PDB file of N, CA and C in Angstrom:
ATOM      1  N   MET A   1     113.715  33.321  39.634  1.00  0.00           N
ATOM      2  CA  MET A   1     112.855  33.698  38.531  1.00  0.00           C
ATOM      3  C   MET A   1     111.443  33.184  38.814  1.00  0.00           C
ATOM      4  N   ALA A   2     110.473  34.044  38.667  1.00  0.00           N
ATOM      5  CA  ALA A   2     109.083  33.681  38.948  1.00  0.00           C
ATOM      6  C   ALA A   2     108.517  32.887  37.776  1.00  0.00           C
ATOM      7  N   ARG A   3     107.718  31.914  38.138  1.00  0.00           N
ATOM      8  CA  ARG A   3     107.055  31.116  37.112  1.00  0.00           C
ATOM      9  C   ARG A   3     105.646  31.648  36.907  1.00  0.00           C
ATOM     10  N   THR A   4     105.249  31.672  35.679  1.00  0.00           N
ATOM     11  CA  THR A   4     103.877  32.061  35.398  1.00  0.00           C
ATOM     12  C   THR A   4     103.106  30.808  34.996  1.00  0.00           C
ATOM     13  N   ALA A   5     101.924  30.747  35.497  1.00  0.00           N
ATOM     14  CA  ALA A   5     101.089  29.595  35.169  1.00  0.00           C
ATOM     15  C   ALA A   5     100.677  29.676  33.707  1.00  0.00           C
ATOM     16  N   LYS A   6     100.675  28.530  33.067  1.00  0.00           N
ATOM     17  CA  LYS A   6     100.220  28.496  31.678  1.00  0.00           C
ATOM     18  C   LYS A   6      98.724  28.733  31.641  1.00  0.00           C
ATOM     19  N   LYS A   7      98.321  29.572  30.733  1.00  0.00           N
ATOM     20  CA  LYS A   7      96.890  29.796  30.551  1.00  0.00           C
ATOM     21  C   LYS A   7      96.316  28.619  29.780  1.00  0.00           C
ATOM     22  N   LYS A   8      95.195  28.150  30.245  1.00  0.00           N
ATOM     23  CA  LYS A   8      94.519  27.100  29.508  1.00  0.00           C
ATOM     24  C   LYS A   8      93.768  27.733  28.347  1.00  0.00           C
ATOM     25  N   ASP A   9      93.876  27.092  27.207  1.00  0.00           N
ATOM     26  CA  ASP A   9      93.107  27.560  26.068  1.00  0.00           C
ATOM     27  C   ASP A   9      91.636  27.276  26.329  1.00  0.00           C
ATOM     28  N   PRO A  10      90.779  28.227  25.984  1.00  0.00           N
ATOM     29  CA  PRO A  10      89.348  27.945  26.155  1.00  0.00           C
ATOM     30  C   PRO A  10      88.957  26.793  25.240  1.00  0.00           C
ATOM     31  N   LYS A  11      88.129  25.924  25.747  1.00  0.00           N
ATOM     32  CA  LYS A  11      87.714  24.774  24.958  1.00  0.00           C
ATOM     33  C   LYS A  11      86.569  25.147  24.032  1.00  0.00           C
ATOM     34  N   ARG A  12      86.621  24.544  22.864  1.00  0.00           N
ATOM     35  CA  ARG A  12      85.531  24.755  21.923  1.00  0.00           C
ATOM     36  C   ARG A  12      84.279  24.054  22.435  1.00  0.00           C
ATOM     37  N   ARG A  13      83.140  24.594  22.055  1.00  0.00           N
ATOM     38  CA  ARG A  13      81.850  24.052  22.448  1.00  0.00           C
ATOM     39  C   ARG A  13      81.126  23.537  21.209  1.00  0.00           C
ATOM     40  N   ARG A  14      80.412  22.447  21.372  1.00  0.00           N
ATOM     41  CA  ARG A  14      79.608  21.907  20.267  1.00  0.00           C
ATOM     42  C   ARG A  14      78.275  22.652  20.236  1.00  0.00           C
ATOM     43  N   ILE A  15      78.003  23.282  19.120  1.00  0.00           N
ATOM     44  CA  ILE A  15      76.769  24.049  18.942  1.00  0.00           C
ATOM     45  C   ILE A  15      76.035  23.459  17.738  1.00  0.00           C
ATOM     46  N   GLU A  16      74.743  23.222  17.900  1.00  0.00           N
ATOM     47  CA  GLU A  16      73.946  22.728  16.787  1.00  0.00           C
ATOM     48  C   GLU A  16      73.052  23.839  16.269  1.00  0.00           C
ATOM     49  N   PHE A  17      73.144  24.077  14.966  1.00  0.00           N
ATOM     50  CA  PHE A  17      72.283  25.037  14.288  1.00  0.00           C
ATOM     51  C   PHE A  17      71.203  24.247  13.569  1.00  0.00           C
ATOM     52  N   VAL A  18      69.968  24.747  13.635  1.00  0.00           N
ATOM     53  CA  VAL A  18      68.825  24.036  13.078  1.00  0.00           C
ATOM     54  C   VAL A  18      67.961  25.029  12.299  1.00  0.00           C
ATOM     55  N   LEU A  19      67.508  24.593  11.135  1.00  0.00           N
ATOM     56  CA  LEU A  19      66.604  25.417  10.333  1.00  0.00           C
ATOM     57  C   LEU A  19      65.565  24.506   9.699  1.00  0.00           C
ATOM     58  N   GLU A  20      64.288  24.760  10.002  1.00  0.00           N
ATOM     59  CA  GLU A  20      63.212  23.980   9.413  1.00  0.00           C
ATOM     60  C   GLU A  20      62.802  24.642   8.103  1.00  0.00           C
ATOM     61  N   MET A  21      63.168  24.005   7.008  1.00  0.00           N
ATOM     62  CA  MET A  21      62.848  24.539   5.691  1.00  0.00           C
ATOM     63  C   MET A  21      62.821  23.374   4.692  1.00  0.00           C
ATOM     64  N   PRO A  22      61.750  22.576   4.745  1.00  0.00           N
ATOM     65  CA  PRO A  22      61.685  21.356   3.937  1.00  0.00           C
ATOM     66  C   PRO A  22      61.757  21.575   2.427  1.00  0.00           C
ATOM     67  N   GLN A  23      61.339  22.739   1.955  1.00  0.00           N
ATOM     68  CA  GLN A  23      61.338  22.990   0.518  1.00  0.00           C
ATOM     69  C   GLN A  23      62.720  23.356  -0.023  1.00  0.00           C
ATOM     70  N   ALA A  24      63.672  23.645   0.831  1.00  0.00           N
ATOM     71  CA  ALA A  24      65.007  24.070   0.395  1.00  0.00           C
ATOM     72  C   ALA A  24      65.779  22.923  -0.247  1.00  0.00           C
ATOM     73  N   GLU A  25      66.586  23.272  -1.221  1.00  0.00           N
ATOM     74  CA  GLU A  25      67.460  22.307  -1.890  1.00  0.00           C
ATOM     75  C   GLU A  25      68.863  22.307  -1.281  1.00  0.00           C
ATOM     76  N   GLN A  26      69.296  23.467  -0.792  1.00  0.00           N
ATOM     77  CA  GLN A  26      70.634  23.590  -0.208  1.00  0.00           C
ATOM     78  C   GLN A  26      70.618  24.654   0.881  1.00  0.00           C
ATOM     79  N   VAL A  27      71.225  24.346   2.018  1.00  0.00           N
ATOM     80  CA  VAL A  27      71.356  25.312   3.107  1.00  0.00           C
ATOM     81  C   VAL A  27      72.807  25.283   3.581  1.00  0.00           C
ATOM     82  N   ILE A  28      73.383  26.468   3.723  1.00  0.00           N
ATOM     83  CA  ILE A  28      74.767  26.601   4.183  1.00  0.00           C
ATOM     84  C   ILE A  28      74.780  27.529   5.380  1.00  0.00           C
ATOM     85  N   LEU A  29      75.475  27.123   6.418  1.00  0.00           N
ATOM     86  CA  LEU A  29      75.662  27.941   7.616  1.00  0.00           C
ATOM     87  C   LEU A  29      76.924  28.765   7.436  1.00  0.00           C
ATOM     88  N   MET A  30      76.791  30.082   7.560  1.00  0.00           N
ATOM     89  CA  MET A  30      77.961  30.958   7.438  1.00  0.00           C
ATOM     90  C   MET A  30      77.948  31.977   8.565  1.00  0.00           C
ATOM     91  N   GLY A  31      79.145  32.323   9.035  1.00  0.00           N
ATOM     92  CA  GLY A  31      79.259  33.312  10.092  1.00  0.00           C
ATOM     93  C   GLY A  31      80.699  33.666  10.386  1.00  0.00           C
ATOM     94  N   ASP A  32      80.865  34.462  11.437  1.00  0.00           N
ATOM     95  CA  ASP A  32      82.206  34.862  11.865  1.00  0.00           C
ATOM     96  C   ASP A  32      83.081  33.660  12.190  1.00  0.00           C
ATOM     97  N   PHE A  33      82.480  32.614  12.731  1.00  0.00           N
ATOM     98  CA  PHE A  33      83.229  31.439  13.175  1.00  0.00           C
ATOM     99  C   PHE A  33      83.828  30.637  12.020  1.00  0.00           C
ATOM    100  N   ASN A  34      83.356  30.857  10.784  1.00  0.00           N
ATOM    101  CA  ASN A  34      83.952  30.174   9.636  1.00  0.00           C
ATOM    102  C   ASN A  34      84.351  31.157   8.534  1.00  0.00           C
ATOM    103  N   GLU A  35      84.519  32.421   8.938  1.00  0.00           N
ATOM    104  CA  GLU A  35      84.928  33.502   8.040  1.00  0.00           C
ATOM    105  C   GLU A  35      83.975  33.644   6.852  1.00  0.00           C
ATOM    106  N   TRP A  36      82.694  33.324   7.083  1.00  0.00           N
ATOM    107  CA  TRP A  36      81.637  33.451   6.077  1.00  0.00           C
ATOM    108  C   TRP A  36      81.969  32.638   4.822  1.00  0.00           C
ATOM    109  N   ASN A  37      82.617  31.520   5.020  1.00  0.00           N
ATOM    110  CA  ASN A  37      83.034  30.659   3.919  1.00  0.00           C
ATOM    111  C   ASN A  37      81.901  29.692   3.557  1.00  0.00           C
ATOM    112  N   PRO A  38      81.384  29.748   2.326  1.00  0.00           N
ATOM    113  CA  PRO A  38      80.271  28.880   1.951  1.00  0.00           C
ATOM    114  C   PRO A  38      80.643  27.405   1.805  1.00  0.00           C
ATOM    115  N   LYS A  39      81.916  27.078   1.824  1.00  0.00           N
ATOM    116  CA  LYS A  39      82.335  25.685   1.664  1.00  0.00           C
ATOM    117  C   LYS A  39      82.559  24.976   2.997  1.00  0.00           C
ATOM    118  N   THR A  40      82.579  25.722   4.097  1.00  0.00           N
ATOM    119  CA  THR A  40      82.952  25.149   5.386  1.00  0.00           C
ATOM    120  C   THR A  40      81.840  24.367   6.073  1.00  0.00           C
ATOM    121  N   HIS A  41      80.621  24.892   6.117  1.00  0.00           N
ATOM    122  CA  HIS A  41      79.545  24.265   6.886  1.00  0.00           C
ATOM    123  C   HIS A  41      78.238  24.075   6.103  1.00  0.00           C
ATOM    124  N   PRO A  42      78.254  23.229   5.070  1.00  0.00           N
ATOM    125  CA  PRO A  42      76.974  22.905   4.453  1.00  0.00           C
ATOM    126  C   PRO A  42      76.130  22.115   5.444  1.00  0.00           C
ATOM    127  N   MET A  43      74.824  22.318   5.403  1.00  0.00           N
ATOM    128  CA  MET A  43      73.939  21.637   6.346  1.00  0.00           C
ATOM    129  C   MET A  43      73.295  20.425   5.679  1.00  0.00           C
ATOM    130  N   ARG A  44      72.821  19.484   6.500  1.00  0.00           N
ATOM    131  CA  ARG A  44      72.162  18.285   5.990  1.00  0.00           C
ATOM    132  C   ARG A  44      70.696  18.291   6.394  1.00  0.00           C
ATOM    133  N   LYS A  45      69.859  17.842   5.452  1.00  0.00           N
ATOM    134  CA  LYS A  45      68.425  17.793   5.704  1.00  0.00           C
ATOM    135  C   LYS A  45      68.044  16.391   6.173  1.00  0.00           C
ATOM    136  N   ASP A  46      67.264  16.342   7.260  1.00  0.00           N
ATOM    137  CA  ASP A  46      66.786  15.040   7.736  1.00  0.00           C
ATOM    138  C   ASP A  46      65.478  14.681   7.025  1.00  0.00           C
ATOM    139  N   LYS A  47      64.930  13.542   7.348  1.00  0.00           N
ATOM    140  CA  LYS A  47      63.721  13.057   6.663  1.00  0.00           C
ATOM    141  C   LYS A  47      62.481  13.902   6.951  1.00  0.00           C
ATOM    142  N   HIS A  48      62.564  14.795   7.928  1.00  0.00           N
ATOM    143  CA  HIS A  48      61.441  15.675   8.276  1.00  0.00           C
ATOM    144  C   HIS A  48      61.589  17.066   7.665  1.00  0.00           C
ATOM    145  N   GLY A  49      62.633  17.268   6.865  1.00  0.00           N
ATOM    146  CA  GLY A  49      62.847  18.568   6.230  1.00  0.00           C
ATOM    147  C   GLY A  49      63.545  19.577   7.111  1.00  0.00           C
ATOM    148  N   VAL A  50      64.184  19.104   8.174  1.00  0.00           N
ATOM    149  CA  VAL A  50      64.907  19.988   9.091  1.00  0.00           C
ATOM    150  C   VAL A  50      66.402  19.901   8.776  1.00  0.00           C
ATOM    151  N   TRP A  51      66.990  21.058   8.552  1.00  0.00           N
ATOM    152  CA  TRP A  51      68.417  21.147   8.246  1.00  0.00           C
ATOM    153  C   TRP A  51      69.185  21.309   9.540  1.00  0.00           C
ATOM    154  N   ARG A  52      70.297  20.573   9.685  1.00  0.00           N
ATOM    155  CA  ARG A  52      71.091  20.614  10.914  1.00  0.00           C
ATOM    156  C   ARG A  52      72.580  20.657  10.602  1.00  0.00           C
ATOM    157  N   LYS A  53      73.296  21.321  11.490  1.00  0.00           N
ATOM    158  CA  LYS A  53      74.759  21.321  11.415  1.00  0.00           C
ATOM    159  C   LYS A  53      75.307  21.531  12.810  1.00  0.00           C
ATOM    160  N   ARG A  54      76.166  20.619  13.240  1.00  0.00           N
ATOM    161  CA  ARG A  54      76.887  20.777  14.515  1.00  0.00           C
ATOM    162  C   ARG A  54      78.287  21.269  14.208  1.00  0.00           C
ATOM    163  N   VAL A  55      78.698  22.299  14.949  1.00  0.00           N
ATOM    164  CA  VAL A  55      80.033  22.855  14.770  1.00  0.00           C
ATOM    165  C   VAL A  55      80.700  23.023  16.128  1.00  0.00           C
ATOM    166  N   MET A  56      82.010  22.992  16.123  1.00  0.00           N
ATOM    167  CA  MET A  56      82.803  23.229  17.333  1.00  0.00           C
ATOM    168  C   MET A  56      83.294  24.671  17.276  1.00  0.00           C
ATOM    169  N   ILE A  57      82.890  25.463  18.268  1.00  0.00           N
ATOM    170  CA  ILE A  57      83.195  26.898  18.277  1.00  0.00           C
ATOM    171  C   ILE A  57      83.830  27.282  19.609  1.00  0.00           C
ATOM    172  N   PHE A  58      84.869  28.100  19.534  1.00  0.00           N
ATOM    173  CA  PHE A  58      85.470  28.638  20.757  1.00  0.00           C
ATOM    174  C   PHE A  58      84.505  29.620  21.413  1.00  0.00           C
ATOM    175  N   PRO A  59      84.584  29.784  22.715  1.00  0.00           N
ATOM    176  CA  PRO A  59      83.734  30.774  23.390  1.00  0.00           C
ATOM    177  C   PRO A  59      83.910  32.158  22.778  1.00  0.00           C
ATOM    178  N   GLY A  60      82.819  32.890  22.707  1.00  0.00           N
ATOM    179  CA  GLY A  60      82.879  34.240  22.157  1.00  0.00           C
ATOM    180  C   GLY A  60      81.549  34.676  21.575  1.00  0.00           C
ATOM    181  N   HIS A  61      81.592  35.816  20.925  1.00  0.00           N
ATOM    182  CA  HIS A  61      80.427  36.468  20.317  1.00  0.00           C
ATOM    183  C   HIS A  61      80.564  36.315  18.806  1.00  0.00           C
ATOM    184  N   TYR A  62      79.536  35.772  18.154  1.00  0.00           N
ATOM    185  CA  TYR A  62      79.598  35.523  16.719  1.00  0.00           C
ATOM    186  C   TYR A  62      78.313  35.959  16.033  1.00  0.00           C
ATOM    187  N   GLU A  63      78.459  36.388  14.788  1.00  0.00           N
ATOM    188  CA  GLU A  63      77.321  36.678  13.934  1.00  0.00           C
ATOM    189  C   GLU A  63      77.221  35.568  12.899  1.00  0.00           C
ATOM    190  N   TYR A  64      75.982  35.256  12.491  1.00  0.00           N
ATOM    191  CA  TYR A  64      75.793  34.206  11.500  1.00  0.00           C
ATOM    192  C   TYR A  64      74.473  34.390  10.756  1.00  0.00           C
ATOM    193  N   ARG A  65      74.339  33.660   9.639  1.00  0.00           N
ATOM    194  CA  ARG A  65      73.105  33.591   8.855  1.00  0.00           C
ATOM    195  C   ARG A  65      73.095  32.280   8.086  1.00  0.00           C
ATOM    196  N   PHE A  66      71.940  31.963   7.527  1.00  0.00           N
ATOM    197  CA  PHE A  66      71.810  30.794   6.668  1.00  0.00           C
ATOM    198  C   PHE A  66      71.719  31.256   5.212  1.00  0.00           C
ATOM    199  N   TRP A  67      72.419  30.553   4.333  1.00  0.00           N
ATOM    200  CA  TRP A  67      72.347  30.814   2.896  1.00  0.00           C
ATOM    201  C   TRP A  67      71.493  29.688   2.313  1.00  0.00           C
ATOM    202  N   VAL A  68      70.274  30.022   1.920  1.00  0.00           N
ATOM    203  CA  VAL A  68      69.289  29.027   1.489  1.00  0.00           C
ATOM    204  C   VAL A  68      68.981  29.230   0.011  1.00  0.00           C
ATOM    205  N   ASP A  69      69.387  28.269  -0.800  1.00  0.00           N
ATOM    206  CA  ASP A  69      69.116  28.316  -2.246  1.00  0.00           C
ATOM    207  C   ASP A  69      69.436  29.689  -2.845  1.00  0.00           C
ATOM    208  N   GLY A  70      70.575  30.255  -2.434  1.00  0.00           N
ATOM    209  CA  GLY A  70      71.028  31.523  -3.009  1.00  0.00           C
ATOM    210  C   GLY A  70      70.491  32.779  -2.352  1.00  0.00           C
ATOM    211  N   GLU A  71      69.809  32.657  -1.210  1.00  0.00           N
ATOM    212  CA  GLU A  71      69.274  33.826  -0.499  1.00  0.00           C
ATOM    213  C   GLU A  71      69.590  33.737   0.986  1.00  0.00           C
ATOM    214  N   TRP A  72      69.791  34.891   1.609  1.00  0.00           N
ATOM    215  CA  TRP A  72      70.069  34.939   3.043  1.00  0.00           C
ATOM    216  C   TRP A  72      68.793  34.784   3.854  1.00  0.00           C
ATOM    217  N   TYR A  73      68.894  34.014   4.936  1.00  0.00           N
ATOM    218  CA  TYR A  73      67.789  33.860   5.886  1.00  0.00           C
ATOM    219  C   TYR A  73      68.346  33.964   7.299  1.00  0.00           C
ATOM    220  N   ASN A  74      67.562  34.585   8.154  1.00  0.00           N
ATOM    221  CA  ASN A  74      67.933  34.621   9.567  1.00  0.00           C
ATOM    222  C   ASN A  74      67.339  33.418  10.279  1.00  0.00           C
ATOM    223  N   ASP A  75      67.874  33.144  11.443  1.00  0.00           N
ATOM    224  CA  ASP A  75      67.431  32.026  12.268  1.00  0.00           C
ATOM    225  C   ASP A  75      66.134  32.430  12.974  1.00  0.00           C
ATOM    226  N   PRO A  76      65.005  31.809  12.616  1.00  0.00           N
ATOM    227  CA  PRO A  76      63.736  32.206  13.228  1.00  0.00           C
ATOM    228  C   PRO A  76      63.628  31.836  14.704  1.00  0.00           C
ATOM    229  N   HIS A  77      64.522  30.996  15.189  1.00  0.00           N
ATOM    230  CA  HIS A  77      64.486  30.581  16.598  1.00  0.00           C
ATOM    231  C   HIS A  77      65.444  31.387  17.483  1.00  0.00           C
ATOM    232  N   ASN A  78      66.149  32.342  16.886  1.00  0.00           N
ATOM    233  CA  ASN A  78      67.093  33.151  17.647  1.00  0.00           C
ATOM    234  C   ASN A  78      66.721  34.632  17.498  1.00  0.00           C
ATOM    235  N   PRO A  79      66.178  35.243  18.554  1.00  0.00           N
ATOM    236  CA  PRO A  79      65.779  36.647  18.472  1.00  0.00           C
ATOM    237  C   PRO A  79      66.950  37.632  18.567  1.00  0.00           C
ATOM    238  N   LEU A  80      68.146  37.148  18.876  1.00  0.00           N
ATOM    239  CA  LEU A  80      69.304  38.039  18.996  1.00  0.00           C
ATOM    240  C   LEU A  80      69.831  38.397  17.615  1.00  0.00           C
ATOM    241  N   ILE A  81      69.751  39.682  17.269  1.00  0.00           N
ATOM    242  CA  ILE A  81      70.198  40.153  15.966  1.00  0.00           C
ATOM    243  C   ILE A  81      71.007  41.433  16.121  1.00  0.00           C
ATOM    244  N   CYS A  82      71.759  41.749  15.080  1.00  0.00           N
ATOM    245  CA  CYS A  82      72.473  43.016  15.025  1.00  0.00           C
ATOM    246  C   CYS A  82      72.534  43.451  13.563  1.00  0.00           C
ATOM    247  N   PRO A  83      72.617  44.752  13.313  1.00  0.00           N
ATOM    248  CA  PRO A  83      72.696  45.214  11.931  1.00  0.00           C
ATOM    249  C   PRO A  83      74.036  44.822  11.310  1.00  0.00           C
ATOM    250  N   ASN A  84      74.014  44.572  10.006  1.00  0.00           N
ATOM    251  CA  ASN A  84      75.271  44.316   9.299  1.00  0.00           C
ATOM    252  C   ASN A  84      75.545  45.452   8.311  1.00  0.00           C
ATOM    253  N   CYS A  85      76.676  45.405   7.661  1.00  0.00           N
ATOM    254  CA  CYS A  85      77.084  46.495   6.767  1.00  0.00           C
ATOM    255  C   CYS A  85      76.336  46.505   5.440  1.00  0.00           C
ATOM    256  N   PHE A  86      75.460  45.527   5.218  1.00  0.00           N
ATOM    257  CA  PHE A  86      74.703  45.446   3.967  1.00  0.00           C
ATOM    258  C   PHE A  86      73.274  45.970   4.108  1.00  0.00           C
ATOM    259  N   GLY A  87      72.951  46.516   5.272  1.00  0.00           N
ATOM    260  CA  GLY A  87      71.625  47.081   5.483  1.00  0.00           C
ATOM    261  C   GLY A  87      70.596  46.068   5.955  1.00  0.00           C
ATOM    262  N   SER A  88      71.027  44.867   6.267  1.00  0.00           N
ATOM    263  CA  SER A  88      70.116  43.870   6.827  1.00  0.00           C
ATOM    264  C   SER A  88      70.625  43.492   8.208  1.00  0.00           C
ATOM    265  N   GLU A  89      70.218  42.359   8.702  1.00  0.00           N
ATOM    266  CA  GLU A  89      70.609  41.960  10.057  1.00  0.00           C
ATOM    267  C   GLU A  89      71.173  40.553  10.072  1.00  0.00           C
ATOM    268  N   ASN A  90      72.097  40.317  10.988  1.00  0.00           N
ATOM    269  CA  ASN A  90      72.651  38.995  11.244  1.00  0.00           C
ATOM    270  C   ASN A  90      72.150  38.509  12.592  1.00  0.00           C
ATOM    271  N   ASN A  91      72.079  37.216  12.745  1.00  0.00           N
ATOM    272  CA  ASN A  91      71.815  36.647  14.067  1.00  0.00           C
ATOM    273  C   ASN A  91      73.100  36.696  14.867  1.00  0.00           C
ATOM    274  N   VAL A  92      72.968  36.666  16.184  1.00  0.00           N
ATOM    275  CA  VAL A  92      74.106  36.700  17.100  1.00  0.00           C
ATOM    276  C   VAL A  92      74.019  35.491  18.017  1.00  0.00           C
ATOM    277  N   ILE A  93      75.163  34.880  18.258  1.00  0.00           N
ATOM    278  CA  ILE A  93      75.233  33.789  19.226  1.00  0.00           C
ATOM    279  C   ILE A  93      76.387  34.075  20.174  1.00  0.00           C
ATOM    280  N   GLU A  94      76.129  33.856  21.460  1.00  0.00           N
ATOM    281  CA  GLU A  94      77.153  33.985  22.499  1.00  0.00           C
ATOM    282  C   GLU A  94      77.493  32.571  22.963  1.00  0.00           C
ATOM    283  N   VAL A  95      78.722  32.173  22.773  1.00  0.00           N
ATOM    284  CA  VAL A  95      79.172  30.851  23.218  1.00  0.00           C
ATOM    285  C   VAL A  95      79.903  31.034  24.532  1.00  0.00           C
ATOM    286  N   ALA A  96      79.364  30.443  25.582  1.00  0.00           N
ATOM    287  CA  ALA A  96      79.928  30.606  26.932  1.00  0.00           C
ATOM    288  C   ALA A  96      81.198  29.768  27.096  1.00  0.00           C
ATOM    289  N   PRO A  97      82.110  30.244  27.940  1.00  0.00           N
ATOM    290  CA  PRO A  97      83.327  29.462  28.196  1.00  0.00           C
ATOM    291  C   PRO A  97      83.032  28.191  28.982  1.00  0.00           C
TER     292      PRO A  97
END
């Protein structure tokens, strides 16, 4: 009987999302990687007004946006976008294996 090698699971990668928006009261990171769940990745503001969140994501193609004080915002530092079903655009991130 032939043995098949076990496939290694792709390892998750640590990705940091950053949004400079000092006037914001609340920022939430939502995307395909967290099923657009507003409770999964709330962001924290540092003393300079920069919001940050580090997440562990498996390699792949993901869409995401920031939910800022009840409104959607795109990542101004990421030019990769794609249209969404709501008539606006999402940012895209490619996580390499």
